[in-house]
Amino acid sequence: MVFTPFIFPNMSKTHVFKTNISWQGSPNGTISYKSYSRNHTISVENKPTIPASSDVTFRGDATRYNPEELMIASVSSCHMLWYLHLCADAGVIVLDYNDAASGKMLEEEDGSGRFTEIMLNPMVTVQDASMLVKANELHQQAHQLCFIANSCNFPIKHSPLILAEEKQ
């Protein structure tokens, strides 16, 4: 069963998103692979700027976000937002949601690479034990609807842990 909220037959929408990447370079520019900073910023109008770099493995700054971390965060965030939407529609009251997501990336000998898997590990607390079964089922629907997961060409797995709030 595929759940498709807000979608009507033969009606699709196109959304456009814009970001700005800014790199100020280094005094000598890209004179050599080791000579330049990987630090840059990611910005979107009227939002906080994100300090970014490459991973330290690729001569980046460990104190800044790298594209690989942002990729994993995008998949995790999209899944969570769809999941919360589906829970709200189904009467499942989520009180807490945390995801310790991880991703595997394969680097080829020529330096190219690709993600081979992302694993989502959401830990969800719902209001009542009667909601546990439905809360668990909704993760699969969230996966099917996630814009980011649908844009990836590698497996995105999820292993949710659903808990009910303890009544005192």
C-alpha atoms as a PDB file:
ATOM      1  CA  MET A   1       0.000   0.000   0.000  1.00  0.00           C
ATOM      2  CA  VAL A   2       1.395   3.380  -1.006  1.00  0.00           C
ATOM      3  CA  PHE A   3       0.224   6.441   0.902  1.00  0.00           C
ATOM      4  CA  THR A   4       0.015   9.607  -1.202  1.00  0.00           C
ATOM      5  CA  PRO A   5      -1.260  12.632   0.720  1.00  0.00           C
ATOM      6  CA  PHE A   6      -2.053  15.875  -1.093  1.00  0.00           C
ATOM      7  CA  ILE A   7      -1.397  14.342  -4.517  1.00  0.00           C
ATOM      8  CA  PHE A   8      -4.127  14.269  -7.080  1.00  0.00           C
ATOM      9  CA  PRO A   9      -4.031  12.183 -10.275  1.00  0.00           C
ATOM     10  CA  ASN A  10      -2.179  13.845 -13.148  1.00  0.00           C
ATOM     11  CA  MET A  11      -1.293  16.900 -11.069  1.00  0.00           C
ATOM     12  CA  SER A  12       2.365  17.480 -10.273  1.00  0.00           C
ATOM     13  CA  LYS A  13       4.263  20.499  -9.016  1.00  0.00           C
ATOM     14  CA  THR A  14       7.781  21.686  -9.588  1.00  0.00           C
ATOM     15  CA  HIS A  15       9.584  23.353  -6.687  1.00  0.00           C
ATOM     16  CA  VAL A  16      12.771  25.358  -7.098  1.00  0.00           C
ATOM     17  CA  PHE A  17      15.311  25.692  -4.289  1.00  0.00           C
ATOM     18  CA  LYS A  18      18.285  28.044  -4.344  1.00  0.00           C
ATOM     19  CA  THR A  19      21.526  28.049  -2.396  1.00  0.00           C
ATOM     20  CA  ASN A  20      24.736  30.023  -2.630  1.00  0.00           C
ATOM     21  CA  ILE A  21      28.191  28.521  -2.167  1.00  0.00           C
ATOM     22  CA  SER A  22      30.985  30.991  -1.520  1.00  0.00           C
ATOM     23  CA  TRP A  23      34.722  30.214  -1.445  1.00  0.00           C
ATOM     24  CA  GLN A  24      37.215  33.008  -0.919  1.00  0.00           C
ATOM     25  CA  GLY A  25      40.208  30.951  -1.906  1.00  0.00           C
ATOM     26  CA  SER A  26      43.711  31.190  -0.629  1.00  0.00           C
ATOM     27  CA  PRO A  27      46.477  33.761  -1.250  1.00  0.00           C
ATOM     28  CA  ASN A  28      47.912  31.714  -4.133  1.00  0.00           C
ATOM     29  CA  GLY A  29      44.635  30.152  -5.273  1.00  0.00           C
ATOM     30  CA  THR A  30      44.713  26.572  -6.469  1.00  0.00           C
ATOM     31  CA  ILE A  31      48.384  26.562  -7.389  1.00  0.00           C
ATOM     32  CA  SER A  32      48.582  22.998  -6.017  1.00  0.00           C
ATOM     33  CA  TYR A  33      46.280  20.450  -4.390  1.00  0.00           C
ATOM     34  CA  LYS A  34      47.757  21.146  -0.960  1.00  0.00           C
ATOM     35  CA  SER A  35      47.832  24.946  -1.311  1.00  0.00           C
ATOM     36  CA  TYR A  36      44.212  25.969  -0.967  1.00  0.00           C
ATOM     37  CA  SER A  37      41.642  26.013   1.797  1.00  0.00           C
ATOM     38  CA  ARG A  38      38.564  23.833   1.432  1.00  0.00           C
ATOM     39  CA  ASN A  39      36.587  26.179   3.691  1.00  0.00           C
ATOM     40  CA  HIS A  40      33.503  27.765   2.197  1.00  0.00           C
ATOM     41  CA  THR A  41      30.038  28.857   3.240  1.00  0.00           C
ATOM     42  CA  ILE A  42      26.595  27.678   2.243  1.00  0.00           C
ATOM     43  CA  SER A  43      23.869  30.267   2.405  1.00  0.00           C
ATOM     44  CA  VAL A  44      20.218  30.654   1.629  1.00  0.00           C
ATOM     45  CA  GLU A  45      18.506  34.018   1.672  1.00  0.00           C
ATOM     46  CA  ASN A  46      17.239  35.006   5.143  1.00  0.00           C
ATOM     47  CA  LYS A  47      18.759  31.940   6.855  1.00  0.00           C
ATOM     48  CA  PRO A  48      21.901  31.380   8.942  1.00  0.00           C
ATOM     49  CA  THR A  49      25.073  30.644   7.007  1.00  0.00           C
ATOM     50  CA  ILE A  50      26.519  27.130   7.261  1.00  0.00           C
ATOM     51  CA  PRO A  51      30.305  26.867   7.592  1.00  0.00           C
ATOM     52  CA  ALA A  52      31.451  24.062   5.301  1.00  0.00           C
ATOM     53  CA  SER A  53      34.619  22.330   4.161  1.00  0.00           C
ATOM     54  CA  SER A  54      35.664  18.948   2.880  1.00  0.00           C
ATOM     55  CA  ASP A  55      36.171  16.054   5.253  1.00  0.00           C
ATOM     56  CA  VAL A  56      39.564  15.989   7.010  1.00  0.00           C
ATOM     57  CA  THR A  57      40.437  12.965   4.872  1.00  0.00           C
ATOM     58  CA  PHE A  58      40.370  15.348   1.898  1.00  0.00           C
ATOM     59  CA  ARG A  59      42.324  18.168   3.601  1.00  0.00           C
ATOM     60  CA  GLY A  60      39.240  19.811   5.093  1.00  0.00           C
ATOM     61  CA  ASP A  61      38.440  21.524   8.376  1.00  0.00           C
ATOM     62  CA  ALA A  62      37.011  19.124  10.993  1.00  0.00           C
ATOM     63  CA  THR A  63      35.120  21.978  12.693  1.00  0.00           C
ATOM     64  CA  ARG A  64      32.954  22.614   9.612  1.00  0.00           C
ATOM     65  CA  TYR A  65      30.211  20.544   7.996  1.00  0.00           C
ATOM     66  CA  ASN A  66      31.225  18.503   4.965  1.00  0.00           C
ATOM     67  CA  PRO A  67      29.039  17.517   1.981  1.00  0.00           C
ATOM     68  CA  GLU A  68      28.886  13.899   3.100  1.00  0.00           C
ATOM     69  CA  GLU A  69      27.517  14.831   6.543  1.00  0.00           C
ATOM     70  CA  LEU A  70      25.015  17.195   4.943  1.00  0.00           C
ATOM     71  CA  MET A  71      23.875  14.418   2.582  1.00  0.00           C
ATOM     72  CA  ILE A  72      23.178  12.085   5.496  1.00  0.00           C
ATOM     73  CA  ALA A  73      21.490  14.892   7.447  1.00  0.00           C
ATOM     74  CA  SER A  74      19.268  15.708   4.446  1.00  0.00           C
ATOM     75  CA  VAL A  75      18.054  12.117   4.143  1.00  0.00           C
ATOM     76  CA  SER A  76      17.475  11.865   7.903  1.00  0.00           C
ATOM     77  CA  SER A  77      15.687  15.205   8.129  1.00  0.00           C
ATOM     78  CA  CYS A  78      13.396  14.493   5.166  1.00  0.00           C
ATOM     79  CA  HIS A  79      12.469  11.071   6.563  1.00  0.00           C
ATOM     80  CA  MET A  80      11.713  12.578   9.975  1.00  0.00           C
ATOM     81  CA  LEU A  81       9.539  15.356   8.539  1.00  0.00           C
ATOM     82  CA  TRP A  82       7.474  12.896   6.491  1.00  0.00           C
ATOM     83  CA  TYR A  83       7.237  10.558   9.476  1.00  0.00           C
ATOM     84  CA  LEU A  84       5.940  13.299  11.784  1.00  0.00           C
ATOM     85  CA  HIS A  85       3.416  14.340   9.110  1.00  0.00           C
ATOM     86  CA  LEU A  86       2.152  10.767   8.723  1.00  0.00           C
ATOM     87  CA  CYS A  87       1.956  10.279  12.490  1.00  0.00           C
ATOM     88  CA  ALA A  88      -0.043  13.476  12.904  1.00  0.00           C
ATOM     89  CA  ASP A  89      -2.470  12.358  10.171  1.00  0.00           C
ATOM     90  CA  ALA A  90      -2.798   8.870  11.735  1.00  0.00           C
ATOM     91  CA  GLY A  91      -3.347  10.067  15.297  1.00  0.00           C
ATOM     92  CA  VAL A  92       0.021   8.784  16.506  1.00  0.00           C
ATOM     93  CA  ILE A  93       1.321  11.335  18.992  1.00  0.00           C
ATOM     94  CA  VAL A  94       5.113  11.549  18.784  1.00  0.00           C
ATOM     95  CA  LEU A  95       6.739  13.137  21.822  1.00  0.00           C
ATOM     96  CA  ASP A  96      10.407  12.725  20.909  1.00  0.00           C
ATOM     97  CA  TYR A  97      12.439  11.789  17.815  1.00  0.00           C
ATOM     98  CA  ASN A  98      16.205  11.309  17.530  1.00  0.00           C
ATOM     99  CA  ASP A  99      18.122   9.718  14.684  1.00  0.00           C
ATOM    100  CA  ALA A 100      21.755   8.632  14.858  1.00  0.00           C
ATOM    101  CA  ALA A 101      22.064   8.246  11.079  1.00  0.00           C
ATOM    102  CA  SER A 102      25.197   7.026   9.311  1.00  0.00           C
ATOM    103  CA  GLY A 103      26.336   6.590   5.739  1.00  0.00           C
ATOM    104  CA  LYS A 104      28.877   4.511   3.868  1.00  0.00           C
ATOM    105  CA  MET A 105      30.822   6.021   1.006  1.00  0.00           C
ATOM    106  CA  LEU A 106      33.101   4.093  -1.318  1.00  0.00           C
ATOM    107  CA  GLU A 107      36.142   5.942  -2.656  1.00  0.00           C
ATOM    108  CA  GLU A 108      37.539   4.567  -5.909  1.00  0.00           C
ATOM    109  CA  GLU A 109      41.233   4.408  -6.819  1.00  0.00           C
ATOM    110  CA  ASP A 110      40.856   7.416  -9.125  1.00  0.00           C
ATOM    111  CA  GLY A 111      39.525   9.532  -6.240  1.00  0.00           C
ATOM    112  CA  SER A 112      35.869   9.442  -7.326  1.00  0.00           C
ATOM    113  CA  GLY A 113      33.333   8.027  -4.959  1.00  0.00           C
ATOM    114  CA  ARG A 114      29.724   7.418  -4.137  1.00  0.00           C
ATOM    115  CA  PHE A 115      27.490   6.595  -1.245  1.00  0.00           C
ATOM    116  CA  THR A 116      26.636   2.915  -1.066  1.00  0.00           C
ATOM    117  CA  GLU A 117      24.173   3.103   1.831  1.00  0.00           C
ATOM    118  CA  ILE A 118      22.621   5.353   4.426  1.00  0.00           C
ATOM    119  CA  MET A 119      21.249   3.850   7.622  1.00  0.00           C
ATOM    120  CA  LEU A 120      18.648   5.724   9.639  1.00  0.00           C
ATOM    121  CA  ASN A 121      18.270   4.726  13.286  1.00  0.00           C
ATOM    122  CA  PRO A 122      15.349   6.747  14.573  1.00  0.00           C
ATOM    123  CA  MET A 123      14.453   6.413  18.224  1.00  0.00           C
ATOM    124  CA  VAL A 124      10.881   7.580  18.658  1.00  0.00           C
ATOM    125  CA  THR A 125       8.792   8.039  21.788  1.00  0.00           C
ATOM    126  CA  VAL A 126       5.015   8.008  21.339  1.00  0.00           C
ATOM    127  CA  GLN A 127       2.404   9.011  23.870  1.00  0.00           C
ATOM    128  CA  ASP A 128       0.793   5.623  24.411  1.00  0.00           C
ATOM    129  CA  ALA A 129       1.609   1.921  23.935  1.00  0.00           C
ATOM    130  CA  SER A 130      -1.521   1.530  21.771  1.00  0.00           C
ATOM    131  CA  MET A 131       0.294   3.639  19.129  1.00  0.00           C
ATOM    132  CA  LEU A 132       3.410   1.443  18.860  1.00  0.00           C
ATOM    133  CA  VAL A 133       2.369  -0.780  15.938  1.00  0.00           C
ATOM    134  CA  LYS A 134       1.117   2.081  13.757  1.00  0.00           C
ATOM    135  CA  ALA A 135       4.125   4.226  14.689  1.00  0.00           C
ATOM    136  CA  ASN A 136       6.434   1.483  13.472  1.00  0.00           C
ATOM    137  CA  GLU A 137       4.501   0.918  10.224  1.00  0.00           C
ATOM    138  CA  LEU A 138       4.644   4.601   9.289  1.00  0.00           C
ATOM    139  CA  HIS A 139       8.428   4.515   8.850  1.00  0.00           C
ATOM    140  CA  GLN A 140       8.035   2.548   5.608  1.00  0.00           C
ATOM    141  CA  GLN A 141       5.523   5.072   4.259  1.00  0.00           C
ATOM    142  CA  ALA A 142       7.815   7.945   5.247  1.00  0.00           C
ATOM    143  CA  HIS A 143      10.627   6.250   3.340  1.00  0.00           C
ATOM    144  CA  GLN A 144       8.453   5.875   0.234  1.00  0.00           C
ATOM    145  CA  LEU A 145       7.448   9.541   0.307  1.00  0.00           C
ATOM    146  CA  CYS A 146      10.784  11.144   1.222  1.00  0.00           C
ATOM    147  CA  PHE A 147      11.881  13.544  -1.535  1.00  0.00           C
ATOM    148  CA  ILE A 148      15.570  13.090  -0.775  1.00  0.00           C
ATOM    149  CA  ALA A 149      15.463   9.280  -0.511  1.00  0.00           C
ATOM    150  CA  ASN A 150      13.585   9.148  -3.818  1.00  0.00           C
ATOM    151  CA  SER A 151      16.441  11.136  -5.387  1.00  0.00           C
ATOM    152  CA  CYS A 152      19.202   8.746  -4.304  1.00  0.00           C
ATOM    153  CA  ASN A 153      20.565   5.818  -6.309  1.00  0.00           C
ATOM    154  CA  PHE A 154      21.671   3.740  -3.324  1.00  0.00           C
ATOM    155  CA  PRO A 155      19.834   1.935  -0.514  1.00  0.00           C
ATOM    156  CA  ILE A 156      18.495   3.912   2.401  1.00  0.00           C
ATOM    157  CA  LYS A 157      17.659   1.590   5.246  1.00  0.00           C
ATOM    158  CA  HIS A 158      15.968   2.288   8.530  1.00  0.00           C
ATOM    159  CA  SER A 159      15.931   0.490  11.835  1.00  0.00           C
ATOM    160  CA  PRO A 160      13.495   2.327  14.092  1.00  0.00           C
ATOM    161  CA  LEU A 161      13.101   1.859  17.819  1.00  0.00           C
ATOM    162  CA  ILE A 162       9.663   2.950  18.994  1.00  0.00           C
ATOM    163  CA  LEU A 163       8.992   3.438  22.695  1.00  0.00           C
ATOM    164  CA  ALA A 164       5.870   4.462  24.571  1.00  0.00           C
ATOM    165  CA  GLU A 165       6.025   7.137  27.214  1.00  0.00           C
ATOM    166  CA  GLU A 166       5.827   5.643  30.666  1.00  0.00           C
ATOM    167  CA  LYS A 167       2.780   6.818  32.596  1.00  0.00           C
ATOM    168  CA  GLN A 168       3.436   7.814  36.185  1.00  0.00           C
END
